[in-house]
């Protein structure tokens, strides 16, 4: 696998991969509105060859294969792929880095649900994906808009950040991570310079069912999202408890009779070769 993406490979084979595997049903339910929308936009046809980039635990690979397509799912995470193989028997899963993956076959569609924002060099990675897409092929993926447009991730992380020491360096907003493609101008530039044509970057929002209760929502935030990364740096039990209490307070305004609902905002991206 690519040494350029080694930090991400290590991350998704350790705590993150284990967590996403354990919470597979919960995360699939949470992300279902976005999965459904990008699959519709992709206009998948029976017998098409589809590459699912960053396929994770296999939810979208399974859904696409049920439409009659021949799916190859690629990911760097061993634990997530182990689960994917059990869920989607008709899919060919390969543990590899999509930024350098080469195939004897050309794909009619390169697809991804939140799996393309983690490349160390996105221009190089998308150029590689373009090289394995058929001449009349297409690209379809979904990625997050900015943290400000995604309060379900941003708010819990913001309220507990004061509980860890400040760092002088400001994080690079384009660094590999969930929000790397938040800027649509930057995203369009990557696609065009990688060889893709006629990119469409469409705004899509949905109310997400975060959890049934505040307690469940806090637990979920300790496992997945920016809040989880911040909490991982807090070792002192008393400080950790105070941070979790603050997180719960920040989520309380979003409680309804049917559970905790918060808005999620993504880009639904499509292009052709």
C-alpha atoms as a PDB file:
ATOM      1  CA  UNK A   1       0.000   0.000   0.000  1.00  0.00           C
ATOM      2  CA  UNK A   2       1.004   3.632  -0.504  1.00  0.00           C
ATOM      3  CA  UNK A   3       3.472   5.008   2.048  1.00  0.00           C
ATOM      4  CA  UNK A   4       2.100   8.494   1.343  1.00  0.00           C
ATOM      5  CA  UNK A   5      -1.166   7.585   3.092  1.00  0.00           C
ATOM      6  CA  UNK A   6       0.471   5.573   5.878  1.00  0.00           C
ATOM      7  CA  UNK A   7      -0.927   7.777   8.654  1.00  0.00           C
ATOM      8  CA  UNK A   8      -4.477   7.150   7.436  1.00  0.00           C
ATOM      9  CA  UNK A   9      -3.797   3.452   6.882  1.00  0.00           C
ATOM     10  CA  UNK A  10      -2.584   3.136  10.478  1.00  0.00           C
ATOM     11  CA  UNK A  11      -5.544   5.137  11.787  1.00  0.00           C
ATOM     12  CA  UNK A  12      -8.190   3.005  10.024  1.00  0.00           C
ATOM     13  CA  UNK A  13      -6.529  -0.231  11.094  1.00  0.00           C
ATOM     14  CA  UNK A  14      -6.462   0.677  14.758  1.00  0.00           C
ATOM     15  CA  UNK A  15      -9.055   2.454  16.910  1.00  0.00           C
ATOM     16  CA  UNK A  16     -11.106   3.935  14.069  1.00  0.00           C
ATOM     17  CA  UNK A  17     -11.527   0.675  12.157  1.00  0.00           C
ATOM     18  CA  UNK A  18     -12.485  -1.220  15.305  1.00  0.00           C
ATOM     19  CA  UNK A  19     -14.987   1.462  16.342  1.00  0.00           C
ATOM     20  CA  UNK A  20     -16.681   1.725  12.947  1.00  0.00           C
ATOM     21  CA  UNK A  21     -16.970  -2.064  12.815  1.00  0.00           C
ATOM     22  CA  UNK A  22     -18.569  -2.196  16.257  1.00  0.00           C
ATOM     23  CA  UNK A  23     -20.993   0.603  15.376  1.00  0.00           C
ATOM     24  CA  UNK A  24     -21.684  -0.505  11.786  1.00  0.00           C
ATOM     25  CA  UNK A  25     -25.477  -0.740  12.129  1.00  0.00           C
ATOM     26  CA  UNK A  26     -25.651   2.632  13.891  1.00  0.00           C
ATOM     27  CA  UNK A  27     -23.479   4.473  11.379  1.00  0.00           C
ATOM     28  CA  UNK A  28     -25.244   2.927   8.381  1.00  0.00           C
ATOM     29  CA  UNK A  29     -28.569   4.139   9.766  1.00  0.00           C
ATOM     30  CA  UNK A  30     -27.162   7.606  10.432  1.00  0.00           C
ATOM     31  CA  UNK A  31     -25.650   7.985   6.959  1.00  0.00           C
ATOM     32  CA  UNK A  32     -28.497   6.300   5.035  1.00  0.00           C
ATOM     33  CA  UNK A  33     -30.015   9.569   3.668  1.00  0.00           C
ATOM     34  CA  UNK A  34     -26.692  10.450   2.034  1.00  0.00           C
ATOM     35  CA  UNK A  35     -26.026   6.923   0.763  1.00  0.00           C
ATOM     36  CA  UNK A  36     -29.462   6.815  -0.820  1.00  0.00           C
ATOM     37  CA  UNK A  37     -29.084  10.212  -2.519  1.00  0.00           C
ATOM     38  CA  UNK A  38     -25.663   9.573  -4.072  1.00  0.00           C
ATOM     39  CA  UNK A  39     -26.759   6.125  -5.323  1.00  0.00           C
ATOM     40  CA  UNK A  40     -29.719   7.786  -7.070  1.00  0.00           C
ATOM     41  CA  UNK A  41     -27.448  10.426  -8.622  1.00  0.00           C
ATOM     42  CA  UNK A  42     -25.012   7.718  -9.796  1.00  0.00           C
ATOM     43  CA  UNK A  43     -27.751   6.158 -12.003  1.00  0.00           C
ATOM     44  CA  UNK A  44     -26.317   2.666 -11.632  1.00  0.00           C
ATOM     45  CA  UNK A  45     -27.294   0.172 -14.319  1.00  0.00           C
ATOM     46  CA  UNK A  46     -27.295  -3.662 -14.196  1.00  0.00           C
ATOM     47  CA  UNK A  47     -23.997  -5.326 -15.146  1.00  0.00           C
ATOM     48  CA  UNK A  48     -21.980  -2.121 -14.832  1.00  0.00           C
ATOM     49  CA  UNK A  49     -18.536  -2.442 -13.272  1.00  0.00           C
ATOM     50  CA  UNK A  50     -18.411  -0.242 -10.154  1.00  0.00           C
ATOM     51  CA  UNK A  51     -15.447   0.625  -7.916  1.00  0.00           C
ATOM     52  CA  UNK A  52     -16.534   1.555  -4.364  1.00  0.00           C
ATOM     53  CA  UNK A  53     -13.706   3.656  -2.900  1.00  0.00           C
ATOM     54  CA  UNK A  54     -13.319   3.548   0.874  1.00  0.00           C
ATOM     55  CA  UNK A  55     -16.078   0.956   1.041  1.00  0.00           C
ATOM     56  CA  UNK A  56     -15.617   0.441   4.775  1.00  0.00           C
ATOM     57  CA  UNK A  57     -17.987  -2.122   6.264  1.00  0.00           C
ATOM     58  CA  UNK A  58     -19.670  -2.646   2.897  1.00  0.00           C
ATOM     59  CA  UNK A  59     -23.051  -0.894   3.150  1.00  0.00           C
ATOM     60  CA  UNK A  60     -22.882   0.899  -0.194  1.00  0.00           C
ATOM     61  CA  UNK A  61     -21.135  -2.006  -1.919  1.00  0.00           C
ATOM     62  CA  UNK A  62     -24.020  -4.231  -0.867  1.00  0.00           C
ATOM     63  CA  UNK A  63     -26.660  -1.723  -1.964  1.00  0.00           C
ATOM     64  CA  UNK A  64     -25.030  -1.251  -5.380  1.00  0.00           C
ATOM     65  CA  UNK A  65     -24.616  -4.980  -5.965  1.00  0.00           C
ATOM     66  CA  UNK A  66     -28.329  -5.443  -5.253  1.00  0.00           C
ATOM     67  CA  UNK A  67     -28.982  -3.166  -8.240  1.00  0.00           C
ATOM     68  CA  UNK A  68     -27.263  -5.729 -10.461  1.00  0.00           C
ATOM     69  CA  UNK A  69     -23.842  -4.106 -10.798  1.00  0.00           C
ATOM     70  CA  UNK A  70     -20.521  -5.943 -10.484  1.00  0.00           C
ATOM     71  CA  UNK A  71     -18.894  -4.226  -7.503  1.00  0.00           C
ATOM     72  CA  UNK A  72     -15.278  -4.078  -6.384  1.00  0.00           C
ATOM     73  CA  UNK A  73     -14.902  -2.532  -2.928  1.00  0.00           C
ATOM     74  CA  UNK A  74     -11.507  -1.162  -1.884  1.00  0.00           C
ATOM     75  CA  UNK A  75     -10.424   0.034   1.536  1.00  0.00           C
ATOM     76  CA  UNK A  76      -7.280   0.195   3.692  1.00  0.00           C
ATOM     77  CA  UNK A  77      -8.969  -1.090   6.871  1.00  0.00           C
ATOM     78  CA  UNK A  78      -8.625  -4.806   7.604  1.00  0.00           C
ATOM     79  CA  UNK A  79     -11.291  -4.943  10.351  1.00  0.00           C
ATOM     80  CA  UNK A  80     -13.845  -3.078   8.264  1.00  0.00           C
ATOM     81  CA  UNK A  81     -13.209  -5.250   5.203  1.00  0.00           C
ATOM     82  CA  UNK A  82     -13.500  -8.418   7.282  1.00  0.00           C
ATOM     83  CA  UNK A  83     -17.040  -7.361   8.199  1.00  0.00           C
ATOM     84  CA  UNK A  84     -17.824  -6.224   4.645  1.00  0.00           C
ATOM     85  CA  UNK A  85     -16.922  -9.660   3.265  1.00  0.00           C
ATOM     86  CA  UNK A  86     -19.422 -11.291   5.604  1.00  0.00           C
ATOM     87  CA  UNK A  87     -22.195  -8.877   4.592  1.00  0.00           C
ATOM     88  CA  UNK A  88     -21.815  -8.754   0.822  1.00  0.00           C
ATOM     89  CA  UNK A  89     -20.919 -12.147  -0.626  1.00  0.00           C
ATOM     90  CA  UNK A  90     -21.293 -11.035  -4.257  1.00  0.00           C
ATOM     91  CA  UNK A  91     -18.825  -8.153  -3.926  1.00  0.00           C
ATOM     92  CA  UNK A  92     -15.099  -8.482  -4.584  1.00  0.00           C
ATOM     93  CA  UNK A  93     -13.291  -6.728  -1.717  1.00  0.00           C
ATOM     94  CA  UNK A  94      -9.637  -5.729  -1.929  1.00  0.00           C
ATOM     95  CA  UNK A  95      -7.478  -4.308   0.852  1.00  0.00           C
ATOM     96  CA  UNK A  96      -5.610  -1.576  -0.976  1.00  0.00           C
ATOM     97  CA  UNK A  97      -5.038   2.159  -1.153  1.00  0.00           C
ATOM     98  CA  UNK A  98      -7.332   3.601  -3.833  1.00  0.00           C
ATOM     99  CA  UNK A  99      -4.839   6.389  -4.544  1.00  0.00           C
ATOM    100  CA  UNK A 100      -2.475   3.870  -6.144  1.00  0.00           C
ATOM    101  CA  UNK A 101      -4.773   0.925  -6.948  1.00  0.00           C
ATOM    102  CA  UNK A 102      -4.479  -0.368 -10.505  1.00  0.00           C
ATOM    103  CA  UNK A 103      -6.834  -2.804 -12.206  1.00  0.00           C
ATOM    104  CA  UNK A 104      -6.843  -4.832 -15.403  1.00  0.00           C
ATOM    105  CA  UNK A 105     -10.453  -3.790 -15.942  1.00  0.00           C
ATOM    106  CA  UNK A 106     -11.859  -0.299 -16.429  1.00  0.00           C
ATOM    107  CA  UNK A 107     -14.782   0.749 -14.252  1.00  0.00           C
ATOM    108  CA  UNK A 108     -17.978   2.283 -15.592  1.00  0.00           C
ATOM    109  CA  UNK A 109     -18.451   4.096 -12.281  1.00  0.00           C
ATOM    110  CA  UNK A 110     -16.107   5.164  -9.511  1.00  0.00           C
ATOM    111  CA  UNK A 111     -18.266   5.637  -6.426  1.00  0.00           C
ATOM    112  CA  UNK A 112     -17.682   6.622  -2.809  1.00  0.00           C
ATOM    113  CA  UNK A 113     -19.576   7.432   0.361  1.00  0.00           C
ATOM    114  CA  UNK A 114     -17.242   9.533   2.507  1.00  0.00           C
ATOM    115  CA  UNK A 115     -14.175   7.587   1.393  1.00  0.00           C
ATOM    116  CA  UNK A 116     -12.258  10.054  -0.769  1.00  0.00           C
ATOM    117  CA  UNK A 117     -11.394  12.845   1.691  1.00  0.00           C
ATOM    118  CA  UNK A 118      -8.425  11.083   3.271  1.00  0.00           C
ATOM    119  CA  UNK A 119      -5.820  11.104   0.489  1.00  0.00           C
ATOM    120  CA  UNK A 120      -2.507  12.781   1.303  1.00  0.00           C
ATOM    121  CA  UNK A 121      -2.325  13.977  -2.326  1.00  0.00           C
ATOM    122  CA  UNK A 122      -5.871  14.217  -3.725  1.00  0.00           C
ATOM    123  CA  UNK A 123      -4.722  15.430  -7.158  1.00  0.00           C
ATOM    124  CA  UNK A 124      -2.572  12.341  -7.577  1.00  0.00           C
ATOM    125  CA  UNK A 125      -5.248  10.062  -6.133  1.00  0.00           C
ATOM    126  CA  UNK A 126      -8.033  11.304  -8.397  1.00  0.00           C
ATOM    127  CA  UNK A 127      -5.734  11.151 -11.414  1.00  0.00           C
ATOM    128  CA  UNK A 128      -5.195   7.501 -10.577  1.00  0.00           C
ATOM    129  CA  UNK A 129      -8.947   6.917 -10.230  1.00  0.00           C
ATOM    130  CA  UNK A 130      -9.462   8.619 -13.588  1.00  0.00           C
ATOM    131  CA  UNK A 131      -6.927   6.234 -15.153  1.00  0.00           C
ATOM    132  CA  UNK A 132      -9.007   3.174 -14.166  1.00  0.00           C
ATOM    133  CA  UNK A 133     -12.349   4.656 -15.238  1.00  0.00           C
ATOM    134  CA  UNK A 134     -13.770   3.698 -18.643  1.00  0.00           C
ATOM    135  CA  UNK A 135     -13.640   6.254 -21.456  1.00  0.00           C
ATOM    136  CA  UNK A 136     -17.389   6.819 -21.172  1.00  0.00           C
ATOM    137  CA  UNK A 137     -17.361   6.307 -17.421  1.00  0.00           C
ATOM    138  CA  UNK A 138     -18.365   8.545 -14.568  1.00  0.00           C
ATOM    139  CA  UNK A 139     -17.639   9.514 -10.999  1.00  0.00           C
ATOM    140  CA  UNK A 140     -20.126   9.894  -8.117  1.00  0.00           C
ATOM    141  CA  UNK A 141     -19.389  10.472  -4.453  1.00  0.00           C
ATOM    142  CA  UNK A 142     -20.591  12.217  -1.322  1.00  0.00           C
ATOM    143  CA  UNK A 143     -18.394  14.267   1.032  1.00  0.00           C
ATOM    144  CA  UNK A 144     -18.993  16.560   3.988  1.00  0.00           C
ATOM    145  CA  UNK A 145     -19.476  20.303   3.761  1.00  0.00           C
ATOM    146  CA  UNK A 146     -17.842  22.500   6.412  1.00  0.00           C
ATOM    147  CA  UNK A 147     -18.087  21.808  10.161  1.00  0.00           C
ATOM    148  CA  UNK A 148     -20.258  24.918  10.501  1.00  0.00           C
ATOM    149  CA  UNK A 149     -22.834  23.239   8.237  1.00  0.00           C
ATOM    150  CA  UNK A 150     -22.659  20.033  10.267  1.00  0.00           C
ATOM    151  CA  UNK A 151     -23.572  20.892  13.851  1.00  0.00           C
ATOM    152  CA  UNK A 152     -23.975  17.219  14.743  1.00  0.00           C
ATOM    153  CA  UNK A 153     -20.190  16.898  14.476  1.00  0.00           C
ATOM    154  CA  UNK A 154     -19.046  20.453  15.156  1.00  0.00           C
ATOM    155  CA  UNK A 155     -20.928  21.374  18.344  1.00  0.00           C
ATOM    156  CA  UNK A 156     -19.808  18.461  20.579  1.00  0.00           C
ATOM    157  CA  UNK A 157     -16.213  18.954  19.466  1.00  0.00           C
ATOM    158  CA  UNK A 158     -16.331  22.688  20.128  1.00  0.00           C
ATOM    159  CA  UNK A 159     -17.726  22.445  23.653  1.00  0.00           C
ATOM    160  CA  UNK A 160     -15.115  19.980  24.860  1.00  0.00           C
ATOM    161  CA  UNK A 161     -12.107  21.502  23.102  1.00  0.00           C
ATOM    162  CA  UNK A 162     -11.437  23.921  26.015  1.00  0.00           C
ATOM    163  CA  UNK A 163     -10.687  20.866  28.171  1.00  0.00           C
ATOM    164  CA  UNK A 164      -7.428  20.132  26.310  1.00  0.00           C
ATOM    165  CA  UNK A 165      -4.327  22.355  25.998  1.00  0.00           C
ATOM    166  CA  UNK A 166      -4.380  24.792  23.098  1.00  0.00           C
ATOM    167  CA  UNK A 167      -1.959  24.263  20.245  1.00  0.00           C
ATOM    168  CA  UNK A 168      -0.309  27.155  18.455  1.00  0.00           C
ATOM    169  CA  UNK A 169      -0.567  25.629  15.001  1.00  0.00           C
ATOM    170  CA  UNK A 170      -3.926  25.910  13.261  1.00  0.00           C
ATOM    171  CA  UNK A 171      -4.975  22.761  11.415  1.00  0.00           C
ATOM    172  CA  UNK A 172      -4.884  22.852   7.623  1.00  0.00           C
ATOM    173  CA  UNK A 173      -8.543  22.760   6.457  1.00  0.00           C
ATOM    174  CA  UNK A 174      -7.460  20.796   3.360  1.00  0.00           C
ATOM    175  CA  UNK A 175      -5.539  18.161   5.319  1.00  0.00           C
ATOM    176  CA  UNK A 176      -6.831  14.583   5.015  1.00  0.00           C
ATOM    177  CA  UNK A 177      -9.944  14.233   7.119  1.00  0.00           C
ATOM    178  CA  UNK A 178     -13.749  14.456   7.069  1.00  0.00           C
ATOM    179  CA  UNK A 179     -13.857  18.116   5.964  1.00  0.00           C
ATOM    180  CA  UNK A 180     -10.979  18.126   3.455  1.00  0.00           C
ATOM    181  CA  UNK A 181     -13.374  18.803   0.550  1.00  0.00           C
ATOM    182  CA  UNK A 182     -15.591  21.344   2.294  1.00  0.00           C
ATOM    183  CA  UNK A 183     -14.481  24.060  -0.180  1.00  0.00           C
ATOM    184  CA  UNK A 184     -16.281  23.357  -3.498  1.00  0.00           C
ATOM    185  CA  UNK A 185     -13.850  25.519  -5.490  1.00  0.00           C
ATOM    186  CA  UNK A 186     -10.916  23.440  -4.277  1.00  0.00           C
ATOM    187  CA  UNK A 187     -12.854  20.245  -4.949  1.00  0.00           C
ATOM    188  CA  UNK A 188     -13.720  21.292  -8.497  1.00  0.00           C
ATOM    189  CA  UNK A 189     -10.075  22.150  -9.167  1.00  0.00           C
ATOM    190  CA  UNK A 190      -9.005  18.655  -8.069  1.00  0.00           C
ATOM    191  CA  UNK A 191     -11.519  16.984 -10.373  1.00  0.00           C
ATOM    192  CA  UNK A 192     -10.700  19.100 -13.441  1.00  0.00           C
ATOM    193  CA  UNK A 193      -6.939  18.799 -13.034  1.00  0.00           C
ATOM    194  CA  UNK A 194      -7.320  15.042 -12.550  1.00  0.00           C
ATOM    195  CA  UNK A 195      -8.982  14.702 -15.944  1.00  0.00           C
ATOM    196  CA  UNK A 196     -12.656  14.538 -15.000  1.00  0.00           C
ATOM    197  CA  UNK A 197     -15.087  16.699 -16.943  1.00  0.00           C
ATOM    198  CA  UNK A 198     -18.333  18.553 -16.249  1.00  0.00           C
ATOM    199  CA  UNK A 199     -18.186  18.241 -12.457  1.00  0.00           C
ATOM    200  CA  UNK A 200     -21.402  18.923 -10.574  1.00  0.00           C
ATOM    201  CA  UNK A 201     -21.187  19.720  -6.852  1.00  0.00           C
ATOM    202  CA  UNK A 202     -24.712  19.770  -5.451  1.00  0.00           C
ATOM    203  CA  UNK A 203     -25.773  20.917  -2.005  1.00  0.00           C
ATOM    204  CA  UNK A 204     -27.717  18.282  -0.050  1.00  0.00           C
ATOM    205  CA  UNK A 205     -28.935  18.442   3.533  1.00  0.00           C
ATOM    206  CA  UNK A 206     -30.814  16.056   5.782  1.00  0.00           C
ATOM    207  CA  UNK A 207     -32.004  15.889   9.364  1.00  0.00           C
ATOM    208  CA  UNK A 208     -30.046  13.063  10.967  1.00  0.00           C
ATOM    209  CA  UNK A 209     -31.298  10.857  13.765  1.00  0.00           C
ATOM    210  CA  UNK A 210     -28.299  11.074  16.091  1.00  0.00           C
ATOM    211  CA  UNK A 211     -29.723   8.994  18.928  1.00  0.00           C
ATOM    212  CA  UNK A 212     -32.850   8.280  20.949  1.00  0.00           C
ATOM    213  CA  UNK A 213     -31.568  10.006  24.097  1.00  0.00           C
ATOM    214  CA  UNK A 214     -28.935  12.468  25.302  1.00  0.00           C
ATOM    215  CA  UNK A 215     -27.014   9.645  26.988  1.00  0.00           C
ATOM    216  CA  UNK A 216     -26.938   7.602  23.791  1.00  0.00           C
ATOM    217  CA  UNK A 217     -25.937  10.655  21.744  1.00  0.00           C
ATOM    218  CA  UNK A 218     -23.035  11.427  24.091  1.00  0.00           C
ATOM    219  CA  UNK A 219     -21.859   7.814  23.927  1.00  0.00           C
ATOM    220  CA  UNK A 220     -21.952   7.908  20.125  1.00  0.00           C
ATOM    221  CA  UNK A 221     -19.981  11.166  20.056  1.00  0.00           C
ATOM    222  CA  UNK A 222     -17.265   9.588  22.234  1.00  0.00           C
ATOM    223  CA  UNK A 223     -16.771   6.975  19.540  1.00  0.00           C
ATOM    224  CA  UNK A 224     -17.098   8.778  16.187  1.00  0.00           C
ATOM    225  CA  UNK A 225     -16.444  12.327  14.977  1.00  0.00           C
ATOM    226  CA  UNK A 226     -14.267  15.279  16.043  1.00  0.00           C
ATOM    227  CA  UNK A 227     -15.507  15.003  19.612  1.00  0.00           C
ATOM    228  CA  UNK A 228     -14.117  11.491  19.899  1.00  0.00           C
ATOM    229  CA  UNK A 229     -10.658  12.643  18.827  1.00  0.00           C
ATOM    230  CA  UNK A 230     -10.676  15.435  21.414  1.00  0.00           C
ATOM    231  CA  UNK A 231     -11.897  13.154  24.197  1.00  0.00           C
ATOM    232  CA  UNK A 232      -9.138  10.669  23.402  1.00  0.00           C
ATOM    233  CA  UNK A 233      -6.669  13.294  24.657  1.00  0.00           C
ATOM    234  CA  UNK A 234      -8.361  13.643  28.081  1.00  0.00           C
ATOM    235  CA  UNK A 235      -7.023  11.157  30.644  1.00  0.00           C
ATOM    236  CA  UNK A 236      -8.107  12.733  33.944  1.00  0.00           C
ATOM    237  CA  UNK A 237     -11.455  11.113  34.969  1.00  0.00           C
ATOM    238  CA  UNK A 238     -12.892  14.243  36.628  1.00  0.00           C
ATOM    239  CA  UNK A 239     -12.066  16.442  33.629  1.00  0.00           C
ATOM    240  CA  UNK A 240     -13.410  13.823  31.244  1.00  0.00           C
ATOM    241  CA  UNK A 241     -16.702  13.662  33.172  1.00  0.00           C
ATOM    242  CA  UNK A 242     -17.038  17.444  33.088  1.00  0.00           C
ATOM    243  CA  UNK A 243     -16.366  17.439  29.330  1.00  0.00           C
ATOM    244  CA  UNK A 244     -19.007  14.754  28.759  1.00  0.00           C
ATOM    245  CA  UNK A 245     -21.528  16.704  30.832  1.00  0.00           C
ATOM    246  CA  UNK A 246     -20.875  19.796  28.695  1.00  0.00           C
ATOM    247  CA  UNK A 247     -21.317  17.708  25.564  1.00  0.00           C
ATOM    248  CA  UNK A 248     -24.685  16.480  26.830  1.00  0.00           C
ATOM    249  CA  UNK A 249     -25.783  20.045  27.568  1.00  0.00           C
ATOM    250  CA  UNK A 250     -24.838  21.110  24.027  1.00  0.00           C
ATOM    251  CA  UNK A 251     -27.035  18.374  22.532  1.00  0.00           C
ATOM    252  CA  UNK A 252     -30.073  19.008  24.731  1.00  0.00           C
ATOM    253  CA  UNK A 253     -31.613  21.736  22.473  1.00  0.00           C
ATOM    254  CA  UNK A 254     -31.876  19.175  19.676  1.00  0.00           C
ATOM    255  CA  UNK A 255     -33.924  16.658  21.625  1.00  0.00           C
ATOM    256  CA  UNK A 256     -37.393  15.920  20.254  1.00  0.00           C
ATOM    257  CA  UNK A 257     -40.104  13.456  21.207  1.00  0.00           C
ATOM    258  CA  UNK A 258     -38.593  11.083  18.625  1.00  0.00           C
ATOM    259  CA  UNK A 259     -34.954  11.482  19.652  1.00  0.00           C
ATOM    260  CA  UNK A 260     -31.985  13.743  18.927  1.00  0.00           C
ATOM    261  CA  UNK A 261     -32.089  15.228  15.411  1.00  0.00           C
ATOM    262  CA  UNK A 262     -29.436  17.517  13.928  1.00  0.00           C
ATOM    263  CA  UNK A 263     -28.711  18.709  10.406  1.00  0.00           C
ATOM    264  CA  UNK A 264     -26.048  17.179   8.214  1.00  0.00           C
ATOM    265  CA  UNK A 265     -24.821  18.894   5.040  1.00  0.00           C
ATOM    266  CA  UNK A 266     -22.899  17.250   2.204  1.00  0.00           C
ATOM    267  CA  UNK A 267     -21.815  17.737  -1.378  1.00  0.00           C
ATOM    268  CA  UNK A 268     -23.194  15.225  -3.850  1.00  0.00           C
ATOM    269  CA  UNK A 269     -20.510  15.181  -6.524  1.00  0.00           C
ATOM    270  CA  UNK A 270     -20.660  13.773 -10.037  1.00  0.00           C
ATOM    271  CA  UNK A 271     -18.437  14.018 -13.109  1.00  0.00           C
ATOM    272  CA  UNK A 272     -17.579  12.085 -16.254  1.00  0.00           C
ATOM    273  CA  UNK A 273     -14.432  10.971 -18.003  1.00  0.00           C
END
